[in-house]
Amino acid sequence: MCSLFLFQPNSQLMRKITLGTEGASILIGHIDFLEKPILGFFRLRSACILDDLTEVSVLIRFIVLVLGPSDRTSIMEYSEIGRALAVLFSDKVSSSSSSSTF
């Protein structure tokens, strides 16, 4: 018998989010064949819901992708970059200025 994992959004968290809220998806990873880190910062022209990518169904405006080589110290650095970006996106002043800049 095969059981399927069905994604169920976090309804408790969804109740705390105001209608029309936009978010950012920050993806961090490492790949063995890379010699230098790569950072991609994407601003979507119109925000969209990416259900399979986020814990809650919220409009995504920005996608950040950080990839780098697989050495032990670099992996921690990439995580710290992701945390710093998450703090920037959660700050009202910086997130409102980045949305209106483009």
PDB file of N, CA and C in Angstrom:
ATOM      1  N   MET A   1       0.841  -1.168   0.000  1.00  0.00           N
ATOM      2  CA  MET A   1       0.000   0.000   0.000  1.00  0.00           C
ATOM      3  C   MET A   1       0.896   1.243   0.000  1.00  0.00           C
ATOM      4  N   CYS A   2       0.587   2.179  -0.857  1.00  0.00           N
ATOM      5  CA  CYS A   2       1.385   3.390  -1.016  1.00  0.00           C
ATOM      6  C   CYS A   2       0.662   4.566  -0.375  1.00  0.00           C
ATOM      7  N   SER A   3       1.371   5.320   0.435  1.00  0.00           N
ATOM      8  CA  SER A   3       0.760   6.502   1.023  1.00  0.00           C
ATOM      9  C   SER A   3       1.367   7.748   0.390  1.00  0.00           C
ATOM     10  N   LEU A   4       0.543   8.687   0.081  1.00  0.00           N
ATOM     11  CA  LEU A   4       0.992   9.930  -0.535  1.00  0.00           C
ATOM     12  C   LEU A   4       1.075  11.020   0.516  1.00  0.00           C
ATOM     13  N   PHE A   5       2.121  11.825   0.427  1.00  0.00           N
ATOM     14  CA  PHE A   5       2.245  12.975   1.310  1.00  0.00           C
ATOM     15  C   PHE A   5       1.508  14.133   0.660  1.00  0.00           C
ATOM     16  N   LEU A   6       0.500  14.609   1.307  1.00  0.00           N
ATOM     17  CA  LEU A   6      -0.266  15.739   0.796  1.00  0.00           C
ATOM     18  C   LEU A   6       0.124  16.990   1.558  1.00  0.00           C
ATOM     19  N   PHE A   7       0.490  18.022   0.819  1.00  0.00           N
ATOM     20  CA  PHE A   7       0.887  19.276   1.435  1.00  0.00           C
ATOM     21  C   PHE A   7      -0.328  19.960   2.034  1.00  0.00           C
ATOM     22  N   GLN A   8      -0.226  20.322   3.300  1.00  0.00           N
ATOM     23  CA  GLN A   8      -1.276  21.089   3.958  1.00  0.00           C
ATOM     24  C   GLN A   8      -0.657  22.350   4.516  1.00  0.00           C
ATOM     25  N   PRO A   9      -1.131  23.516   4.060  1.00  0.00           N
ATOM     26  CA  PRO A   9      -0.555  24.765   4.533  1.00  0.00           C
ATOM     27  C   PRO A   9      -0.724  24.945   6.038  1.00  0.00           C
ATOM     28  N   ASN A  10       0.155  25.703   6.624  1.00  0.00           N
ATOM     29  CA  ASN A  10       0.131  25.992   8.051  1.00  0.00           C
ATOM     30  C   ASN A  10      -1.000  26.990   8.326  1.00  0.00           C
ATOM     31  N   SER A  11      -2.150  26.503   8.719  1.00  0.00           N
ATOM     32  CA  SER A  11      -3.330  27.360   8.889  1.00  0.00           C
ATOM     33  C   SER A  11      -3.186  28.308  10.080  1.00  0.00           C
ATOM     34  N   GLN A  12      -2.484  27.899  11.127  1.00  0.00           N
ATOM     35  CA  GLN A  12      -2.291  28.789  12.279  1.00  0.00           C
ATOM     36  C   GLN A  12      -1.443  29.995  11.893  1.00  0.00           C
ATOM     37  N   LEU A  13      -0.405  29.775  11.131  1.00  0.00           N
ATOM     38  CA  LEU A  13       0.440  30.869  10.675  1.00  0.00           C
ATOM     39  C   LEU A  13      -0.302  31.748   9.673  1.00  0.00           C
ATOM     40  N   MET A  14      -1.103  31.142   8.835  1.00  0.00           N
ATOM     41  CA  MET A  14      -1.849  31.886   7.813  1.00  0.00           C
ATOM     42  C   MET A  14      -2.820  32.887   8.441  1.00  0.00           C
ATOM     43  N   ARG A  15      -3.378  32.558   9.599  1.00  0.00           N
ATOM     44  CA  ARG A  15      -4.305  33.474  10.279  1.00  0.00           C
ATOM     45  C   ARG A  15      -3.616  34.740  10.769  1.00  0.00           C
ATOM     46  N   LYS A  16      -2.311  34.668  11.000  1.00  0.00           N
ATOM     47  CA  LYS A  16      -1.561  35.822  11.507  1.00  0.00           C
ATOM     48  C   LYS A  16      -1.080  36.754  10.398  1.00  0.00           C
ATOM     49  N   ILE A  17      -1.168  36.308   9.163  1.00  0.00           N
ATOM     50  CA  ILE A  17      -0.683  37.090   8.030  1.00  0.00           C
ATOM     51  C   ILE A  17      -1.829  37.909   7.454  1.00  0.00           C
ATOM     52  N   THR A  18      -1.583  39.209   7.269  1.00  0.00           N
ATOM     53  CA  THR A  18      -2.626  40.080   6.733  1.00  0.00           C
ATOM     54  C   THR A  18      -2.819  39.828   5.241  1.00  0.00           C
ATOM     55  N   LEU A  19      -4.005  40.087   4.770  1.00  0.00           N
ATOM     56  CA  LEU A  19      -4.358  39.888   3.369  1.00  0.00           C
ATOM     57  C   LEU A  19      -3.502  40.794   2.485  1.00  0.00           C
ATOM     58  N   GLY A  20      -2.991  40.267   1.400  1.00  0.00           N
ATOM     59  CA  GLY A  20      -2.176  41.049   0.480  1.00  0.00           C
ATOM     60  C   GLY A  20      -0.694  41.075   0.816  1.00  0.00           C
ATOM     61  N   THR A  21      -0.289  40.330   1.829  1.00  0.00           N
ATOM     62  CA  THR A  21       1.119  40.286   2.216  1.00  0.00           C
ATOM     63  C   THR A  21       1.938  39.599   1.131  1.00  0.00           C
ATOM     64  N   GLU A  22       3.086  40.176   0.827  1.00  0.00           N
ATOM     65  CA  GLU A  22       4.002  39.569  -0.134  1.00  0.00           C
ATOM     66  C   GLU A  22       5.229  39.055   0.598  1.00  0.00           C
ATOM     67  N   GLY A  23       5.813  38.008   0.067  1.00  0.00           N
ATOM     68  CA  GLY A  23       6.959  37.401   0.720  1.00  0.00           C
ATOM     69  C   GLY A  23       8.125  37.217  -0.224  1.00  0.00           C
ATOM     70  N   ALA A  24       9.182  36.638   0.318  1.00  0.00           N
ATOM     71  CA  ALA A  24      10.382  36.312  -0.438  1.00  0.00           C
ATOM     72  C   ALA A  24      10.745  34.869  -0.145  1.00  0.00           C
ATOM     73  N   SER A  25      11.248  34.193  -1.147  1.00  0.00           N
ATOM     74  CA  SER A  25      11.711  32.830  -0.960  1.00  0.00           C
ATOM     75  C   SER A  25      13.231  32.833  -1.091  1.00  0.00           C
ATOM     76  N   ILE A  26      13.914  32.400  -0.041  1.00  0.00           N
ATOM     77  CA  ILE A  26      15.373  32.397  -0.008  1.00  0.00           C
ATOM     78  C   ILE A  26      15.832  30.946  -0.005  1.00  0.00           C
ATOM     79  N   LEU A  27      16.514  30.546  -1.062  1.00  0.00           N
ATOM     80  CA  LEU A  27      16.948  29.161  -1.242  1.00  0.00           C
ATOM     81  C   LEU A  27      18.465  29.091  -1.152  1.00  0.00           C
ATOM     82  N   ILE A  28      18.975  28.229  -0.277  1.00  0.00           N
ATOM     83  CA  ILE A  28      20.406  28.080  -0.042  1.00  0.00           C
ATOM     84  C   ILE A  28      20.797  26.638  -0.334  1.00  0.00           C
ATOM     85  N   GLY A  29      21.918  26.444  -1.032  1.00  0.00           N
ATOM     86  CA  GLY A  29      22.352  25.082  -1.313  1.00  0.00           C
ATOM     87  C   GLY A  29      23.827  25.022  -1.658  1.00  0.00           C
ATOM     88  N   HIS A  30      24.338  23.811  -1.763  1.00  0.00           N
ATOM     89  CA  HIS A  30      25.732  23.617  -2.145  1.00  0.00           C
ATOM     90  C   HIS A  30      25.818  22.498  -3.171  1.00  0.00           C
ATOM     91  N   ILE A  31      26.767  22.679  -4.089  1.00  0.00           N
ATOM     92  CA  ILE A  31      26.966  21.725  -5.183  1.00  0.00           C
ATOM     93  C   ILE A  31      28.458  21.435  -5.266  1.00  0.00           C
ATOM     94  N   ASP A  32      28.800  20.161  -5.399  1.00  0.00           N
ATOM     95  CA  ASP A  32      30.197  19.751  -5.382  1.00  0.00           C
ATOM     96  C   ASP A  32      31.032  20.348  -6.511  1.00  0.00           C
ATOM     97  N   PHE A  33      30.481  20.505  -7.701  1.00  0.00           N
ATOM     98  CA  PHE A  33      31.281  20.914  -8.853  1.00  0.00           C
ATOM     99  C   PHE A  33      31.529  22.426  -8.945  1.00  0.00           C
ATOM    100  N   LEU A  34      30.901  23.222  -8.086  1.00  0.00           N
ATOM    101  CA  LEU A  34      31.129  24.671  -8.124  1.00  0.00           C
ATOM    102  C   LEU A  34      32.456  25.030  -7.474  1.00  0.00           C
ATOM    103  N   GLU A  35      33.163  25.995  -8.063  1.00  0.00           N
ATOM    104  CA  GLU A  35      34.408  26.476  -7.483  1.00  0.00           C
ATOM    105  C   GLU A  35      34.210  27.788  -6.730  1.00  0.00           C
ATOM    106  N   LYS A  36      33.228  28.591  -7.161  1.00  0.00           N
ATOM    107  CA  LYS A  36      32.927  29.875  -6.526  1.00  0.00           C
ATOM    108  C   LYS A  36      31.434  29.947  -6.257  1.00  0.00           C
ATOM    109  N   PRO A  37      31.035  30.718  -5.250  1.00  0.00           N
ATOM    110  CA  PRO A  37      29.600  30.863  -4.971  1.00  0.00           C
ATOM    111  C   PRO A  37      28.872  31.637  -6.064  1.00  0.00           C
ATOM    112  N   ILE A  38      27.591  31.341  -6.202  1.00  0.00           N
ATOM    113  CA  ILE A  38      26.715  32.023  -7.156  1.00  0.00           C
ATOM    114  C   ILE A  38      25.515  32.539  -6.375  1.00  0.00           C
ATOM    115  N   LEU A  39      25.157  33.791  -6.606  1.00  0.00           N
ATOM    116  CA  LEU A  39      23.983  34.362  -5.961  1.00  0.00           C
ATOM    117  C   LEU A  39      23.074  34.915  -7.050  1.00  0.00           C
ATOM    118  N   GLY A  40      21.821  34.485  -7.030  1.00  0.00           N
ATOM    119  CA  GLY A  40      20.825  35.008  -7.957  1.00  0.00           C
ATOM    120  C   GLY A  40      19.731  35.706  -7.184  1.00  0.00           C
ATOM    121  N   PHE A  41      19.424  36.933  -7.565  1.00  0.00           N
ATOM    122  CA  PHE A  41      18.396  37.725  -6.898  1.00  0.00           C
ATOM    123  C   PHE A  41      17.361  38.082  -7.959  1.00  0.00           C
ATOM    124  N   PHE A  42      16.142  37.583  -7.787  1.00  0.00           N
ATOM    125  CA  PHE A  42      15.101  37.759  -8.792  1.00  0.00           C
ATOM    126  C   PHE A  42      13.913  38.495  -8.193  1.00  0.00           C
ATOM    127  N   ARG A  43      13.473  39.530  -8.887  1.00  0.00           N
ATOM    128  CA  ARG A  43      12.246  40.238  -8.497  1.00  0.00           C
ATOM    129  C   ARG A  43      11.221  39.947  -9.576  1.00  0.00           C
ATOM    130  N   LEU A  44      10.126  39.322  -9.174  1.00  0.00           N
ATOM    131  CA  LEU A  44       9.080  38.982 -10.123  1.00  0.00           C
ATOM    132  C   LEU A  44       8.266  40.224 -10.472  1.00  0.00           C
ATOM    133  N   ARG A  45       7.932  40.364 -11.732  1.00  0.00           N
ATOM    134  CA  ARG A  45       7.162  41.530 -12.176  1.00  0.00           C
ATOM    135  C   ARG A  45       5.834  41.614 -11.440  1.00  0.00           C
ATOM    136  N   SER A  46       5.165  40.496 -11.324  1.00  0.00           N
ATOM    137  CA  SER A  46       3.935  40.451 -10.534  1.00  0.00           C
ATOM    138  C   SER A  46       4.062  39.298  -9.539  1.00  0.00           C
ATOM    139  N   ALA A  47       3.679  39.557  -8.315  1.00  0.00           N
ATOM    140  CA  ALA A  47       3.784  38.544  -7.262  1.00  0.00           C
ATOM    141  C   ALA A  47       2.858  37.379  -7.575  1.00  0.00           C
ATOM    142  N   CYS A  48       3.309  36.176  -7.244  1.00  0.00           N
ATOM    143  CA  CYS A  48       2.485  34.998  -7.493  1.00  0.00           C
ATOM    144  C   CYS A  48       2.602  34.029  -6.317  1.00  0.00           C
ATOM    145  N   ILE A  49       1.643  33.136  -6.234  1.00  0.00           N
ATOM    146  CA  ILE A  49       1.636  32.133  -5.166  1.00  0.00           C
ATOM    147  C   ILE A  49       2.388  30.902  -5.653  1.00  0.00           C
ATOM    148  N   LEU A  50       3.381  30.487  -4.898  1.00  0.00           N
ATOM    149  CA  LEU A  50       4.163  29.294  -5.207  1.00  0.00           C
ATOM    150  C   LEU A  50       3.923  28.278  -4.098  1.00  0.00           C
ATOM    151  N   ASP A  51       2.803  27.569  -4.178  1.00  0.00           N
ATOM    152  CA  ASP A  51       2.377  26.669  -3.102  1.00  0.00           C
ATOM    153  C   ASP A  51       3.413  25.626  -2.729  1.00  0.00           C
ATOM    154  N   ASP A  52       4.093  25.052  -3.706  1.00  0.00           N
ATOM    155  CA  ASP A  52       5.034  23.975  -3.410  1.00  0.00           C
ATOM    156  C   ASP A  52       6.350  24.479  -2.815  1.00  0.00           C
ATOM    157  N   LEU A  53       6.538  25.778  -2.795  1.00  0.00           N
ATOM    158  CA  LEU A  53       7.800  26.344  -2.350  1.00  0.00           C
ATOM    159  C   LEU A  53       7.739  26.927  -0.946  1.00  0.00           C
ATOM    160  N   THR A  54       6.566  27.338  -0.508  1.00  0.00           N
ATOM    161  CA  THR A  54       6.439  28.012   0.783  1.00  0.00           C
ATOM    162  C   THR A  54       5.534  27.238   1.731  1.00  0.00           C
ATOM    163  N   GLU A  55       5.666  27.555   3.002  1.00  0.00           N
ATOM    164  CA  GLU A  55       4.874  26.883   4.032  1.00  0.00           C
ATOM    165  C   GLU A  55       3.428  27.366   4.041  1.00  0.00           C
ATOM    166  N   VAL A  56       3.221  28.605   3.653  1.00  0.00           N
ATOM    167  CA  VAL A  56       1.886  29.192   3.606  1.00  0.00           C
ATOM    168  C   VAL A  56       1.639  29.737   2.198  1.00  0.00           C
ATOM    169  N   SER A  57       0.382  29.877   1.831  1.00  0.00           N
ATOM    170  CA  SER A  57       0.035  30.409   0.521  1.00  0.00           C
ATOM    171  C   SER A  57       0.068  31.934   0.575  1.00  0.00           C
ATOM    172  N   VAL A  58       1.232  32.482   0.302  1.00  0.00           N
ATOM    173  CA  VAL A  58       1.415  33.928   0.319  1.00  0.00           C
ATOM    174  C   VAL A  58       2.037  34.334  -1.024  1.00  0.00           C
ATOM    175  N   LEU A  59       1.741  35.534  -1.459  1.00  0.00           N
ATOM    176  CA  LEU A  59       2.292  36.025  -2.714  1.00  0.00           C
ATOM    177  C   LEU A  59       3.805  36.189  -2.592  1.00  0.00           C
ATOM    178  N   ILE A  60       4.553  35.663  -3.554  1.00  0.00           N
ATOM    179  CA  ILE A  60       6.007  35.766  -3.560  1.00  0.00           C
ATOM    180  C   ILE A  60       6.413  36.813  -4.593  1.00  0.00           C
ATOM    181  N   ARG A  61       7.201  37.787  -4.171  1.00  0.00           N
ATOM    182  CA  ARG A  61       7.688  38.843  -5.056  1.00  0.00           C
ATOM    183  C   ARG A  61       9.167  38.652  -5.383  1.00  0.00           C
ATOM    184  N   PHE A  62       9.950  38.166  -4.404  1.00  0.00           N
ATOM    185  CA  PHE A  62      11.393  38.009  -4.580  1.00  0.00           C
ATOM    186  C   PHE A  62      11.793  36.551  -4.390  1.00  0.00           C
ATOM    187  N   ILE A  63      12.753  36.105  -5.199  1.00  0.00           N
ATOM    188  CA  ILE A  63      13.364  34.787  -5.034  1.00  0.00           C
ATOM    189  C   ILE A  63      14.872  35.004  -5.011  1.00  0.00           C
ATOM    190  N   VAL A  64      15.514  34.485  -3.969  1.00  0.00           N
ATOM    191  CA  VAL A  64      16.969  34.585  -3.837  1.00  0.00           C
ATOM    192  C   VAL A  64      17.520  33.170  -3.830  1.00  0.00           C
ATOM    193  N   LEU A  65      18.520  32.928  -4.676  1.00  0.00           N
ATOM    194  CA  LEU A  65      19.148  31.614  -4.773  1.00  0.00           C
ATOM    195  C   LEU A  65      20.638  31.775  -4.516  1.00  0.00           C
ATOM    196  N   VAL A  66      21.139  31.083  -3.489  1.00  0.00           N
ATOM    197  CA  VAL A  66      22.564  31.113  -3.154  1.00  0.00           C
ATOM    198  C   VAL A  66      23.082  29.686  -3.261  1.00  0.00           C
ATOM    199  N   LEU A  67      24.034  29.477  -4.171  1.00  0.00           N
ATOM    200  CA  LEU A  67      24.667  28.172  -4.352  1.00  0.00           C
ATOM    201  C   LEU A  67      26.172  28.331  -4.233  1.00  0.00           C
ATOM    202  N   GLY A  68      26.818  27.318  -3.681  1.00  0.00           N
ATOM    203  CA  GLY A  68      28.269  27.395  -3.548  1.00  0.00           C
ATOM    204  C   GLY A  68      28.893  26.028  -3.444  1.00  0.00           C
ATOM    205  N   PRO A  69      30.242  25.997  -3.400  1.00  0.00           N
ATOM    206  CA  PRO A  69      30.948  24.724  -3.252  1.00  0.00           C
ATOM    207  C   PRO A  69      30.660  24.063  -1.911  1.00  0.00           C
ATOM    208  N   SER A  70      30.941  22.796  -1.829  1.00  0.00           N
ATOM    209  CA  SER A  70      30.531  22.004  -0.662  1.00  0.00           C
ATOM    210  C   SER A  70      31.568  21.901   0.442  1.00  0.00           C
ATOM    211  N   ASP A  71      32.387  22.911   0.667  1.00  0.00           N
ATOM    212  CA  ASP A  71      33.284  22.797   1.815  1.00  0.00           C
ATOM    213  C   ASP A  71      32.551  23.229   3.079  1.00  0.00           C
ATOM    214  N   ARG A  72      32.994  22.711   4.184  1.00  0.00           N
ATOM    215  CA  ARG A  72      32.250  22.828   5.446  1.00  0.00           C
ATOM    216  C   ARG A  72      32.053  24.274   5.921  1.00  0.00           C
ATOM    217  N   THR A  73      33.057  25.102   5.803  1.00  0.00           N
ATOM    218  CA  THR A  73      32.929  26.484   6.280  1.00  0.00           C
ATOM    219  C   THR A  73      31.998  27.300   5.393  1.00  0.00           C
ATOM    220  N   SER A  74      32.037  27.040   4.091  1.00  0.00           N
ATOM    221  CA  SER A  74      31.192  27.808   3.165  1.00  0.00           C
ATOM    222  C   SER A  74      29.716  27.532   3.380  1.00  0.00           C
ATOM    223  N   ILE A  75      29.360  26.308   3.703  1.00  0.00           N
ATOM    224  CA  ILE A  75      27.950  25.965   3.907  1.00  0.00           C
ATOM    225  C   ILE A  75      27.364  26.808   5.035  1.00  0.00           C
ATOM    226  N   MET A  76      28.104  27.000   6.106  1.00  0.00           N
ATOM    227  CA  MET A  76      27.630  27.838   7.207  1.00  0.00           C
ATOM    228  C   MET A  76      27.520  29.297   6.778  1.00  0.00           C
ATOM    229  N   GLU A  77      28.460  29.759   5.960  1.00  0.00           N
ATOM    230  CA  GLU A  77      28.409  31.139   5.473  1.00  0.00           C
ATOM    231  C   GLU A  77      27.166  31.376   4.623  1.00  0.00           C
ATOM    232  N   TYR A  78      26.792  30.408   3.801  1.00  0.00           N
ATOM    233  CA  TYR A  78      25.608  30.558   2.955  1.00  0.00           C
ATOM    234  C   TYR A  78      24.352  30.648   3.823  1.00  0.00           C
ATOM    235  N   SER A  79      24.314  29.862   4.875  1.00  0.00           N
ATOM    236  CA  SER A  79      23.168  29.924   5.786  1.00  0.00           C
ATOM    237  C   SER A  79      23.071  31.291   6.446  1.00  0.00           C
ATOM    238  N   GLU A  80      24.204  31.858   6.811  1.00  0.00           N
ATOM    239  CA  GLU A  80      24.211  33.189   7.426  1.00  0.00           C
ATOM    240  C   GLU A  80      23.767  34.255   6.427  1.00  0.00           C
ATOM    241  N   ILE A  81      24.159  34.110   5.169  1.00  0.00           N
ATOM    242  CA  ILE A  81      23.696  35.036   4.128  1.00  0.00           C
ATOM    243  C   ILE A  81      22.177  34.954   4.018  1.00  0.00           C
ATOM    244  N   GLY A  82      21.642  33.737   4.027  1.00  0.00           N
ATOM    245  CA  GLY A  82      20.190  33.555   3.960  1.00  0.00           C
ATOM    246  C   GLY A  82      19.476  34.181   5.143  1.00  0.00           C
ATOM    247  N   ARG A  83      20.026  34.026   6.331  1.00  0.00           N
ATOM    248  CA  ARG A  83      19.413  34.634   7.521  1.00  0.00           C
ATOM    249  C   ARG A  83      19.434  36.154   7.446  1.00  0.00           C
ATOM    250  N   ALA A  84      20.552  36.710   6.987  1.00  0.00           N
ATOM    251  CA  ALA A  84      20.654  38.168   6.871  1.00  0.00           C
ATOM    252  C   ALA A  84      19.639  38.701   5.860  1.00  0.00           C
ATOM    253  N   LEU A  85      19.478  38.014   4.737  1.00  0.00           N
ATOM    254  CA  LEU A  85      18.490  38.437   3.744  1.00  0.00           C
ATOM    255  C   LEU A  85      17.072  38.327   4.292  1.00  0.00           C
ATOM    256  N   ALA A  86      16.803  37.287   5.061  1.00  0.00           N
ATOM    257  CA  ALA A  86      15.473  37.126   5.652  1.00  0.00           C
ATOM    258  C   ALA A  86      15.161  38.278   6.605  1.00  0.00           C
ATOM    259  N   VAL A  87      16.162  38.711   7.365  1.00  0.00           N
ATOM    260  CA  VAL A  87      15.961  39.847   8.269  1.00  0.00           C
ATOM    261  C   VAL A  87      15.684  41.108   7.464  1.00  0.00           C
ATOM    262  N   LEU A  88      16.423  41.315   6.375  1.00  0.00           N
ATOM    263  CA  LEU A  88      16.182  42.490   5.532  1.00  0.00           C
ATOM    264  C   LEU A  88      14.767  42.498   4.965  1.00  0.00           C
ATOM    265  N   PHE A  89      14.313  41.354   4.494  1.00  0.00           N
ATOM    266  CA  PHE A  89      12.965  41.276   3.919  1.00  0.00           C
ATOM    267  C   PHE A  89      11.881  41.427   4.976  1.00  0.00           C
ATOM    268  N   SER A  90      12.177  41.067   6.211  1.00  0.00           N
ATOM    269  CA  SER A  90      11.159  41.189   7.251  1.00  0.00           C
ATOM    270  C   SER A  90      11.075  42.607   7.820  1.00  0.00           C
ATOM    271  N   ASP A  91      12.085  43.430   7.567  1.00  0.00           N
ATOM    272  CA  ASP A  91      12.083  44.814   8.032  1.00  0.00           C
ATOM    273  C   ASP A  91      11.182  45.658   7.130  1.00  0.00           C
ATOM    274  N   LYS A  92      10.256  46.395   7.711  1.00  0.00           N
ATOM    275  CA  LYS A  92       9.266  47.148   6.932  1.00  0.00           C
ATOM    276  C   LYS A  92       9.906  48.206   6.044  1.00  0.00           C
ATOM    277  N   VAL A  93      10.910  48.904   6.542  1.00  0.00           N
ATOM    278  CA  VAL A  93      11.520  49.984   5.770  1.00  0.00           C
ATOM    279  C   VAL A  93      12.257  49.438   4.553  1.00  0.00           C
ATOM    280  N   SER A  94      13.103  48.425   4.747  1.00  0.00           N
ATOM    281  CA  SER A  94      13.878  47.910   3.618  1.00  0.00           C
ATOM    282  C   SER A  94      13.003  47.163   2.628  1.00  0.00           C
ATOM    283  N   SER A  95      11.994  46.444   3.088  1.00  0.00           N
ATOM    284  CA  SER A  95      11.148  45.709   2.148  1.00  0.00           C
ATOM    285  C   SER A  95      10.270  46.645   1.327  1.00  0.00           C
ATOM    286  N   SER A  96       9.799  47.741   1.914  1.00  0.00           N
ATOM    287  CA  SER A  96       8.972  48.663   1.146  1.00  0.00           C
ATOM    288  C   SER A  96       9.824  49.442   0.139  1.00  0.00           C
ATOM    289  N   SER A  97      11.073  49.756   0.484  1.00  0.00           N
ATOM    290  CA  SER A  97      11.921  50.486  -0.460  1.00  0.00           C
ATOM    291  C   SER A  97      12.386  49.573  -1.587  1.00  0.00           C
ATOM    292  N   SER A  98      12.612  48.287  -1.317  1.00  0.00           N
ATOM    293  CA  SER A  98      13.042  47.380  -2.383  1.00  0.00           C
ATOM    294  C   SER A  98      11.888  47.081  -3.343  1.00  0.00           C
ATOM    295  N   SER A  99      10.659  47.092  -2.859  1.00  0.00           N
ATOM    296  CA  SER A  99       9.516  46.853  -3.741  1.00  0.00           C
ATOM    297  C   SER A  99       9.249  48.034  -4.647  1.00  0.00           C
ATOM    298  N   SER A 100       9.504  49.245  -4.170  1.00  0.00           N
ATOM    299  CA  SER A 100       9.205  50.426  -4.958  1.00  0.00           C
ATOM    300  C   SER A 100      10.380  50.873  -5.825  1.00  0.00           C
ATOM    301  N   THR A 101      11.571  50.301  -5.625  1.00  0.00           N
ATOM    302  CA  THR A 101      12.742  50.715  -6.363  1.00  0.00           C
ATOM    303  C   THR A 101      12.673  50.345  -7.834  1.00  0.00           C
ATOM    304  N   PHE A 102      12.116  49.191  -8.124  1.00  0.00           N
ATOM    305  CA  PHE A 102      12.145  48.691  -9.501  1.00  0.00           C
ATOM    306  C   PHE A 102      10.933  49.112 -10.272  1.00  0.00           C
TER     307      PHE A 102
END
